[in-house]
Structure formats: structure tokens, C-alpha cells
Amino acid sequence: QECIEDMRQAFERRRDLIVELARQIPG
């Protein structure tokens, strides 16, 4: 089940990235 955790970590990193960038869009 290691593959699940590898992908989960990638999605968590991407979540943090998109939230940070989305909060920079006015409105």
C-alpha cells in the first residue's frame, strides 16, 4: 500500500500550493 501514501503526499503538497496561489486572486 506504499503507492497510496506516495500519491497522497503529492496531492497534499499540491493542495497547499493551489490554496496559496488561489488566495492571491482578488475576489
PDB file of all heavy atoms in Angstrom:
ATOM      1  N   GLN A   1       0.816  -1.213   0.000  1.00  0.00           N
ATOM      2  CA  GLN A   1       0.000   0.000   0.000  1.00  0.00           C
ATOM      3  C   GLN A   1       0.858   1.274   0.000  1.00  0.00           C
ATOM      4  O   GLN A   1       0.328   2.372   0.164  1.00  0.00           O
ATOM      5  CB  GLN A   1      -0.937   0.001   1.214  1.00  0.00           C
ATOM      6  CG  GLN A   1      -1.848  -1.228   1.305  1.00  0.00           C
ATOM      7  CD  GLN A   1      -2.800  -1.358   0.129  1.00  0.00           C
ATOM      8  OE1 GLN A   1      -3.647  -0.500  -0.085  1.00  0.00           O
ATOM      9  NE2 GLN A   1      -2.653  -2.418  -0.656  1.00  0.00           N
ATOM     10  N   GLU A   2       2.157   1.119  -0.199  1.00  0.00           N
ATOM     11  CA  GLU A   2       3.043   2.286  -0.190  1.00  0.00           C
ATOM     12  C   GLU A   2       2.672   3.284  -1.283  1.00  0.00           C
ATOM     13  O   GLU A   2       2.831   4.485  -1.115  1.00  0.00           O
ATOM     14  CB  GLU A   2       4.497   1.845  -0.361  1.00  0.00           C
ATOM     15  CG  GLU A   2       5.088   1.128   0.847  1.00  0.00           C
ATOM     16  CD  GLU A   2       6.537   0.754   0.639  1.00  0.00           C
ATOM     17  OE1 GLU A   2       7.140   1.236  -0.349  1.00  0.00           O
ATOM     18  OE2 GLU A   2       7.073  -0.031   1.445  1.00  0.00           O
ATOM     19  N   CYS A   3       2.179   2.774  -2.408  1.00  0.00           N
ATOM     20  CA  CYS A   3       1.851   3.652  -3.534  1.00  0.00           C
ATOM     21  C   CYS A   3       0.775   4.661  -3.147  1.00  0.00           C
ATOM     22  O   CYS A   3       0.785   5.808  -3.614  1.00  0.00           O
ATOM     23  CB  CYS A   3       1.393   2.835  -4.734  1.00  0.00           C
ATOM     24  SG  CYS A   3      -0.016   1.729  -4.399  1.00  0.00           S
ATOM     25  N   ILE A   4      -0.147   4.248  -2.278  1.00  0.00           N
ATOM     26  CA  ILE A   4      -1.208   5.155  -1.834  1.00  0.00           C
ATOM     27  C   ILE A   4      -0.608   6.351  -1.112  1.00  0.00           C
ATOM     28  O   ILE A   4      -0.968   7.503  -1.374  1.00  0.00           O
ATOM     29  CB  ILE A   4      -2.204   4.423  -0.910  1.00  0.00           C
ATOM     30  CG1 ILE A   4      -3.021   3.420  -1.705  1.00  0.00           C
ATOM     31  CG2 ILE A   4      -3.126   5.421  -0.209  1.00  0.00           C
ATOM     32  CD1 ILE A   4      -3.997   2.638  -0.843  1.00  0.00           C
ATOM     33  N   GLU A   5       0.319   6.076  -0.204  1.00  0.00           N
ATOM     34  CA  GLU A   5       0.914   7.151   0.588  1.00  0.00           C
ATOM     35  C   GLU A   5       1.753   8.077  -0.279  1.00  0.00           C
ATOM     36  O   GLU A   5       1.744   9.300  -0.090  1.00  0.00           O
ATOM     37  CB  GLU A   5       1.747   6.564   1.725  1.00  0.00           C
ATOM     38  CG  GLU A   5       2.445   7.602   2.604  1.00  0.00           C
ATOM     39  CD  GLU A   5       1.486   8.567   3.287  1.00  0.00           C
ATOM     40  OE1 GLU A   5       0.263   8.289   3.352  1.00  0.00           O
ATOM     41  OE2 GLU A   5       1.960   9.625   3.760  1.00  0.00           O
ATOM     42  N   ASP A   6       2.463   7.521  -1.243  1.00  0.00           N
ATOM     43  CA  ASP A   6       3.272   8.353  -2.145  1.00  0.00           C
ATOM     44  C   ASP A   6       2.394   9.351  -2.890  1.00  0.00           C
ATOM     45  O   ASP A   6       2.717  10.545  -2.985  1.00  0.00           O
ATOM     46  CB  ASP A   6       4.028   7.472  -3.150  1.00  0.00           C
ATOM     47  CG  ASP A   6       5.117   6.637  -2.485  1.00  0.00           C
ATOM     48  OD1 ASP A   6       5.512   6.967  -1.351  1.00  0.00           O
ATOM     49  OD2 ASP A   6       5.554   5.654  -3.114  1.00  0.00           O
ATOM     50  N   MET A   7       1.276   8.865  -3.421  1.00  0.00           N
ATOM     51  CA  MET A   7       0.374   9.754  -4.165  1.00  0.00           C
ATOM     52  C   MET A   7      -0.327  10.734  -3.227  1.00  0.00           C
ATOM     53  O   MET A   7      -0.518  11.903  -3.568  1.00  0.00           O
ATOM     54  CB  MET A   7      -0.632   8.923  -4.964  1.00  0.00           C
ATOM     55  CG  MET A   7      -0.008   8.208  -6.150  1.00  0.00           C
ATOM     56  SD  MET A   7      -1.204   7.355  -7.222  1.00  0.00           S
ATOM     57  CE  MET A   7      -1.354   5.774  -6.377  1.00  0.00           C
ATOM     58  N   ARG A   8      -0.699  10.249  -2.046  1.00  0.00           N
ATOM     59  CA  ARG A   8      -1.369  11.123  -1.078  1.00  0.00           C
ATOM     60  C   ARG A   8      -0.483  12.313  -0.721  1.00  0.00           C
ATOM     61  O   ARG A   8      -0.944  13.460  -0.642  1.00  0.00           O
ATOM     62  CB  ARG A   8      -1.731  10.331   0.181  1.00  0.00           C
ATOM     63  CG  ARG A   8      -2.663  11.075   1.139  1.00  0.00           C
ATOM     64  CD  ARG A   8      -2.532  10.561   2.563  1.00  0.00           C
ATOM     65  NE  ARG A   8      -1.212  10.855   3.117  1.00  0.00           N
ATOM     66  CZ  ARG A   8      -0.838  12.042   3.590  1.00  0.00           C
ATOM     67  NH1 ARG A   8      -1.678  13.060   3.571  1.00  0.00           N
ATOM     68  NH2 ARG A   8       0.382  12.225   4.062  1.00  0.00           N
ATOM     69  N   GLN A   9       0.799  12.046  -0.503  1.00  0.00           N
ATOM     70  CA  GLN A   9       1.722  13.132  -0.158  1.00  0.00           C
ATOM     71  C   GLN A   9       1.835  14.143  -1.297  1.00  0.00           C
ATOM     72  O   GLN A   9       1.896  15.353  -1.056  1.00  0.00           O
ATOM     73  CB  GLN A   9       3.094  12.556   0.193  1.00  0.00           C
ATOM     74  CG  GLN A   9       3.138  11.819   1.515  1.00  0.00           C
ATOM     75  CD  GLN A   9       4.529  11.288   1.849  1.00  0.00           C
ATOM     76  OE1 GLN A   9       5.519  11.658   1.216  1.00  0.00           O
ATOM     77  NE2 GLN A   9       4.609  10.416   2.836  1.00  0.00           N
ATOM     78  N   ALA A  10       1.856  13.648  -2.520  1.00  0.00           N
ATOM     79  CA  ALA A  10       1.925  14.561  -3.670  1.00  0.00           C
ATOM     80  C   ALA A  10       0.673  15.434  -3.740  1.00  0.00           C
ATOM     81  O   ALA A  10       0.757  16.647  -3.985  1.00  0.00           O
ATOM     82  CB  ALA A  10       2.096  13.765  -4.961  1.00  0.00           C
ATOM     83  N   PHE A  11      -0.491  14.835  -3.511  1.00  0.00           N
ATOM     84  CA  PHE A  11      -1.732  15.611  -3.537  1.00  0.00           C
ATOM     85  C   PHE A  11      -1.775  16.634  -2.405  1.00  0.00           C
ATOM     86  O   PHE A  11      -2.276  17.747  -2.586  1.00  0.00           O
ATOM     87  CB  PHE A  11      -2.944  14.685  -3.455  1.00  0.00           C
ATOM     88  CG  PHE A  11      -3.235  13.950  -4.730  1.00  0.00           C
ATOM     89  CD1 PHE A  11      -3.380  12.572  -4.745  1.00  0.00           C
ATOM     90  CD2 PHE A  11      -3.374  14.641  -5.931  1.00  0.00           C
ATOM     91  CE1 PHE A  11      -3.654  11.888  -5.923  1.00  0.00           C
ATOM     92  CE2 PHE A  11      -3.639  13.975  -7.120  1.00  0.00           C
ATOM     93  CZ  PHE A  11      -3.787  12.597  -7.115  1.00  0.00           C
ATOM     94  N   GLU A  12      -1.237  16.282  -1.253  1.00  0.00           N
ATOM     95  CA  GLU A  12      -1.223  17.244  -0.143  1.00  0.00           C
ATOM     96  C   GLU A  12      -0.329  18.440  -0.476  1.00  0.00           C
ATOM     97  O   GLU A  12      -0.687  19.588  -0.200  1.00  0.00           O
ATOM     98  CB  GLU A  12      -0.743  16.568   1.137  1.00  0.00           C
ATOM     99  CG  GLU A  12      -0.818  17.491   2.353  1.00  0.00           C
ATOM    100  CD  GLU A  12      -0.591  16.767   3.661  1.00  0.00           C
ATOM    101  OE1 GLU A  12      -0.046  15.642   3.652  1.00  0.00           O
ATOM    102  OE2 GLU A  12      -0.949  17.324   4.715  1.00  0.00           O
ATOM    103  N   ARG A  13       0.809  18.169  -1.083  1.00  0.00           N
ATOM    104  CA  ARG A  13       1.701  19.263  -1.492  1.00  0.00           C
ATOM    105  C   ARG A  13       1.007  20.162  -2.513  1.00  0.00           C
ATOM    106  O   ARG A  13       1.080  21.397  -2.431  1.00  0.00           O
ATOM    107  CB  ARG A  13       2.983  18.670  -2.092  1.00  0.00           C
ATOM    108  CG  ARG A  13       4.021  19.729  -2.480  1.00  0.00           C
ATOM    109  CD  ARG A  13       5.199  19.131  -3.218  1.00  0.00           C
ATOM    110  NE  ARG A  13       4.823  18.646  -4.545  1.00  0.00           N
ATOM    111  CZ  ARG A  13       4.822  17.374  -4.909  1.00  0.00           C
ATOM    112  NH1 ARG A  13       5.140  16.429  -4.029  1.00  0.00           N
ATOM    113  NH2 ARG A  13       4.480  17.024  -6.138  1.00  0.00           N
ATOM    114  N   ARG A  14       0.323  19.544  -3.451  1.00  0.00           N
ATOM    115  CA  ARG A  14      -0.383  20.314  -4.473  1.00  0.00           C
ATOM    116  C   ARG A  14      -1.532  21.112  -3.865  1.00  0.00           C
ATOM    117  O   ARG A  14      -1.812  22.235  -4.297  1.00  0.00           O
ATOM    118  CB  ARG A  14      -0.906  19.373  -5.558  1.00  0.00           C
ATOM    119  CG  ARG A  14       0.195  18.692  -6.360  1.00  0.00           C
ATOM    120  CD  ARG A  14      -0.384  17.602  -7.227  1.00  0.00           C
ATOM    121  NE  ARG A  14       0.635  16.932  -8.025  1.00  0.00           N
ATOM    122  CZ  ARG A  14       0.372  15.951  -8.890  1.00  0.00           C
ATOM    123  NH1 ARG A  14      -0.882  15.544  -9.051  1.00  0.00           N
ATOM    124  NH2 ARG A  14       1.344  15.384  -9.585  1.00  0.00           N
ATOM    125  N   ARG A  15      -2.222  20.515  -2.890  1.00  0.00           N
ATOM    126  CA  ARG A  15      -3.285  21.240  -2.187  1.00  0.00           C
ATOM    127  C   ARG A  15      -2.742  22.517  -1.579  1.00  0.00           C
ATOM    128  O   ARG A  15      -3.326  23.599  -1.730  1.00  0.00           O
ATOM    129  CB  ARG A  15      -3.889  20.341  -1.109  1.00  0.00           C
ATOM    130  CG  ARG A  15      -5.111  20.890  -0.350  1.00  0.00           C
ATOM    131  CD  ARG A  15      -4.777  21.794   0.835  1.00  0.00           C
ATOM    132  NE  ARG A  15      -3.825  21.240   1.766  1.00  0.00           N
ATOM    133  CZ  ARG A  15      -4.125  20.602   2.896  1.00  0.00           C
ATOM    134  NH1 ARG A  15      -5.384  20.405   3.221  1.00  0.00           N
ATOM    135  NH2 ARG A  15      -3.154  20.181   3.700  1.00  0.00           N
ATOM    136  N   ASP A  16      -1.618  22.406  -0.873  1.00  0.00           N
ATOM    137  CA  ASP A  16      -1.036  23.585  -0.236  1.00  0.00           C
ATOM    138  C   ASP A  16      -0.653  24.636  -1.273  1.00  0.00           C
ATOM    139  O   ASP A  16      -0.851  25.840  -1.057  1.00  0.00           O
ATOM    140  CB  ASP A  16       0.194  23.178   0.579  1.00  0.00           C
ATOM    141  CG  ASP A  16      -0.164  22.318   1.784  1.00  0.00           C
ATOM    142  OD1 ASP A  16      -1.342  22.315   2.186  1.00  0.00           O
ATOM    143  OD2 ASP A  16       0.745  21.645   2.319  1.00  0.00           O
ATOM    144  N   LEU A  17      -0.129  24.183  -2.400  1.00  0.00           N
ATOM    145  CA  LEU A  17       0.301  25.103  -3.456  1.00  0.00           C
ATOM    146  C   LEU A  17      -0.884  25.840  -4.067  1.00  0.00           C
ATOM    147  O   LEU A  17      -0.863  27.072  -4.188  1.00  0.00           O
ATOM    148  CB  LEU A  17       1.056  24.324  -4.541  1.00  0.00           C
ATOM    149  CG  LEU A  17       1.493  25.117  -5.775  1.00  0.00           C
ATOM    150  CD1 LEU A  17       2.470  26.229  -5.392  1.00  0.00           C
ATOM    151  CD2 LEU A  17       2.118  24.176  -6.816  1.00  0.00           C
ATOM    152  N   ILE A  18      -1.930  25.114  -4.434  1.00  0.00           N
ATOM    153  CA  ILE A  18      -3.048  25.768  -5.128  1.00  0.00           C
ATOM    154  C   ILE A  18      -3.819  26.684  -4.188  1.00  0.00           C
ATOM    155  O   ILE A  18      -4.298  27.744  -4.596  1.00  0.00           O
ATOM    156  CB  ILE A  18      -3.976  24.723  -5.796  1.00  0.00           C
ATOM    157  CG1 ILE A  18      -4.849  25.425  -6.843  1.00  0.00           C
ATOM    158  CG2 ILE A  18      -4.832  23.974  -4.775  1.00  0.00           C
ATOM    159  CD1 ILE A  18      -5.615  24.477  -7.745  1.00  0.00           C
ATOM    160  N   VAL A  19      -3.927  26.320  -2.910  1.00  0.00           N
ATOM    161  CA  VAL A  19      -4.604  27.198  -1.948  1.00  0.00           C
ATOM    162  C   VAL A  19      -3.840  28.511  -1.818  1.00  0.00           C
ATOM    163  O   VAL A  19      -4.423  29.600  -1.832  1.00  0.00           O
ATOM    164  CB  VAL A  19      -4.758  26.501  -0.582  1.00  0.00           C
ATOM    165  CG1 VAL A  19      -5.158  27.509   0.494  1.00  0.00           C
ATOM    166  CG2 VAL A  19      -5.792  25.386  -0.664  1.00  0.00           C
ATOM    167  N   GLU A  20      -2.528  28.420  -1.710  1.00  0.00           N
ATOM    168  CA  GLU A  20      -1.698  29.624  -1.589  1.00  0.00           C
ATOM    169  C   GLU A  20      -1.872  30.531  -2.805  1.00  0.00           C
ATOM    170  O   GLU A  20      -2.048  31.754  -2.665  1.00  0.00           O
ATOM    171  CB  GLU A  20      -0.227  29.221  -1.452  1.00  0.00           C
ATOM    172  CG  GLU A  20       0.733  30.402  -1.405  1.00  0.00           C
ATOM    173  CD  GLU A  20       2.203  29.979  -1.483  1.00  0.00           C
ATOM    174  OE1 GLU A  20       2.480  28.759  -1.454  1.00  0.00           O
ATOM    175  OE2 GLU A  20       3.065  30.874  -1.581  1.00  0.00           O
ATOM    176  N   LEU A  21      -1.850  29.952  -4.005  1.00  0.00           N
ATOM    177  CA  LEU A  21      -1.945  30.752  -5.221  1.00  0.00           C
ATOM    178  C   LEU A  21      -3.361  31.280  -5.441  1.00  0.00           C
ATOM    179  O   LEU A  21      -3.547  32.411  -5.905  1.00  0.00           O
ATOM    180  CB  LEU A  21      -1.500  29.915  -6.418  1.00  0.00           C
ATOM    181  CG  LEU A  21      -0.022  29.474  -6.394  1.00  0.00           C
ATOM    182  CD1 LEU A  21       0.277  28.547  -7.558  1.00  0.00           C
ATOM    183  CD2 LEU A  21       0.904  30.689  -6.428  1.00  0.00           C
ATOM    184  N   ALA A  22      -4.365  30.478  -5.096  1.00  0.00           N
ATOM    185  CA  ALA A  22      -5.757  30.911  -5.290  1.00  0.00           C
ATOM    186  C   ALA A  22      -6.092  32.090  -4.394  1.00  0.00           C
ATOM    187  O   ALA A  22      -6.896  32.961  -4.767  1.00  0.00           O
ATOM    188  CB  ALA A  22      -6.702  29.747  -5.020  1.00  0.00           C
ATOM    189  N   ARG A  23      -5.506  32.128  -3.209  1.00  0.00           N
ATOM    190  CA  ARG A  23      -5.771  33.231  -2.289  1.00  0.00           C
ATOM    191  C   ARG A  23      -5.156  34.543  -2.761  1.00  0.00           C
ATOM    192  O   ARG A  23      -5.457  35.600  -2.207  1.00  0.00           O
ATOM    193  CB  ARG A  23      -5.276  32.862  -0.891  1.00  0.00           C
ATOM    194  CG  ARG A  23      -6.187  31.836  -0.209  1.00  0.00           C
ATOM    195  CD  ARG A  23      -5.684  31.380   1.133  1.00  0.00           C
ATOM    196  NE  ARG A  23      -6.690  30.536   1.793  1.00  0.00           N
ATOM    197  CZ  ARG A  23      -6.463  29.791   2.870  1.00  0.00           C
ATOM    198  NH1 ARG A  23      -5.261  29.773   3.429  1.00  0.00           N
ATOM    199  NH2 ARG A  23      -7.420  29.057   3.403  1.00  0.00           N
ATOM    200  N   GLN A  24      -4.340  34.481  -3.793  1.00  0.00           N
ATOM    201  CA  GLN A  24      -3.758  35.693  -4.361  1.00  0.00           C
ATOM    202  C   GLN A  24      -4.630  36.295  -5.461  1.00  0.00           C
ATOM    203  O   GLN A  24      -4.310  37.353  -5.992  1.00  0.00           O
ATOM    204  CB  GLN A  24      -2.363  35.375  -4.919  1.00  0.00           C
ATOM    205  CG  GLN A  24      -1.358  34.938  -3.865  1.00  0.00           C
ATOM    206  CD  GLN A  24      -0.037  34.481  -4.462  1.00  0.00           C
ATOM    207  OE1 GLN A  24       0.253  34.753  -5.638  1.00  0.00           O
ATOM    208  NE2 GLN A  24       0.776  33.780  -3.678  1.00  0.00           N
ATOM    209  N   ILE A  25      -5.721  35.613  -5.814  1.00  0.00           N
ATOM    210  CA  ILE A  25      -6.606  36.125  -6.860  1.00  0.00           C
ATOM    211  C   ILE A  25      -7.690  36.986  -6.217  1.00  0.00           C
ATOM    212  O   ILE A  25      -8.491  36.477  -5.425  1.00  0.00           O
ATOM    213  CB  ILE A  25      -7.241  34.966  -7.663  1.00  0.00           C
ATOM    214  CG1 ILE A  25      -6.144  34.132  -8.334  1.00  0.00           C
ATOM    215  CG2 ILE A  25      -8.224  35.512  -8.712  1.00  0.00           C
ATOM    216  CD1 ILE A  25      -6.667  32.907  -9.066  1.00  0.00           C
ATOM    217  N   PRO A  26      -7.715  38.272  -6.509  1.00  0.00           N
ATOM    218  CA  PRO A  26      -8.721  39.160  -5.903  1.00  0.00           C
ATOM    219  C   PRO A  26     -10.141  38.667  -6.182  1.00  0.00           C
ATOM    220  O   PRO A  26     -10.460  38.246  -7.292  1.00  0.00           O
ATOM    221  CB  PRO A  26      -8.450  40.505  -6.588  1.00  0.00           C
ATOM    222  CG  PRO A  26      -7.021  40.425  -7.026  1.00  0.00           C
ATOM    223  CD  PRO A  26      -6.795  39.001  -7.401  1.00  0.00           C
ATOM    224  N   GLY A  27     -10.983  38.710  -5.147  1.00  0.00           N
ATOM    225  CA  GLY A  27     -12.382  38.342  -5.326  1.00  0.00           C
ATOM    226  C   GLY A  27     -12.693  36.881  -5.108  1.00  0.00           C
ATOM    227  O   GLY A  27     -13.872  36.508  -5.029  1.00  0.00           O
TER     228      GLY A  27
END
